[in-house]
Amino acid sequence: MTVHAEQSEESLWPTSSLLSAAARLLGRRWNDELQGLGLSVASVTALDALAVKGTTTQAALARSIRIQPQSLGPTLHLLASMGHVSIIDSGHGRSRHEVTITGAGVALLEKARGIERALLSGLCADSLKFRDDLEGIVRGIGQPALPPGAAPQMKFWTLPEEQHRAQ
């Protein structure tokens, strides 16, 4: 297939392929940048969720970031060994461990957020709208499947002429 000079190869890709490639490339770049802090995208995701949720169980934290608790365990234990989170054994099994972010974790998270802002700056014209659209995709896909013929309750993308956010 020949690509015209004015059209990039990527312009021919399906949206799902663009989204997957962008996430992969951004994840790799962000991981490279975070290595200097001793973090990964997964550890920043966990710290960020803990900063928002406060003290919670490992199982609830995993659900909130849409991964399995056993996948989150190694990340939390690494963060705990570095002093960024505190894990308290509730005595009811591993999924009931209470996890909280420490002051050192909050400080490190702020540095990681700065790296993210620097990395994302200039990547798209309207980064807030882009973020809103991504949130809509994640929320929409994270919902149970609709019965046949049922209309979705949320809109994933807004038309260009829509300049305001739905309240």
Foldseek 3Di string as FASTA:
>chain_A
DDDDPVGDPCNPDDPVVVVVVVCVVLQVVLQVVCVVVVDHPLLLLLLVLQVVPPKDFLCVSCVVVVHHSVVNVVSQVVCVVVVQKDWADPVPDRRRIIIHGDPVNVVSSVVSVVSVCVSCPPPDDDVVLVVQLVVLVVVVVPDDDDDPPDDDPDDNHDDPVDDDDDD
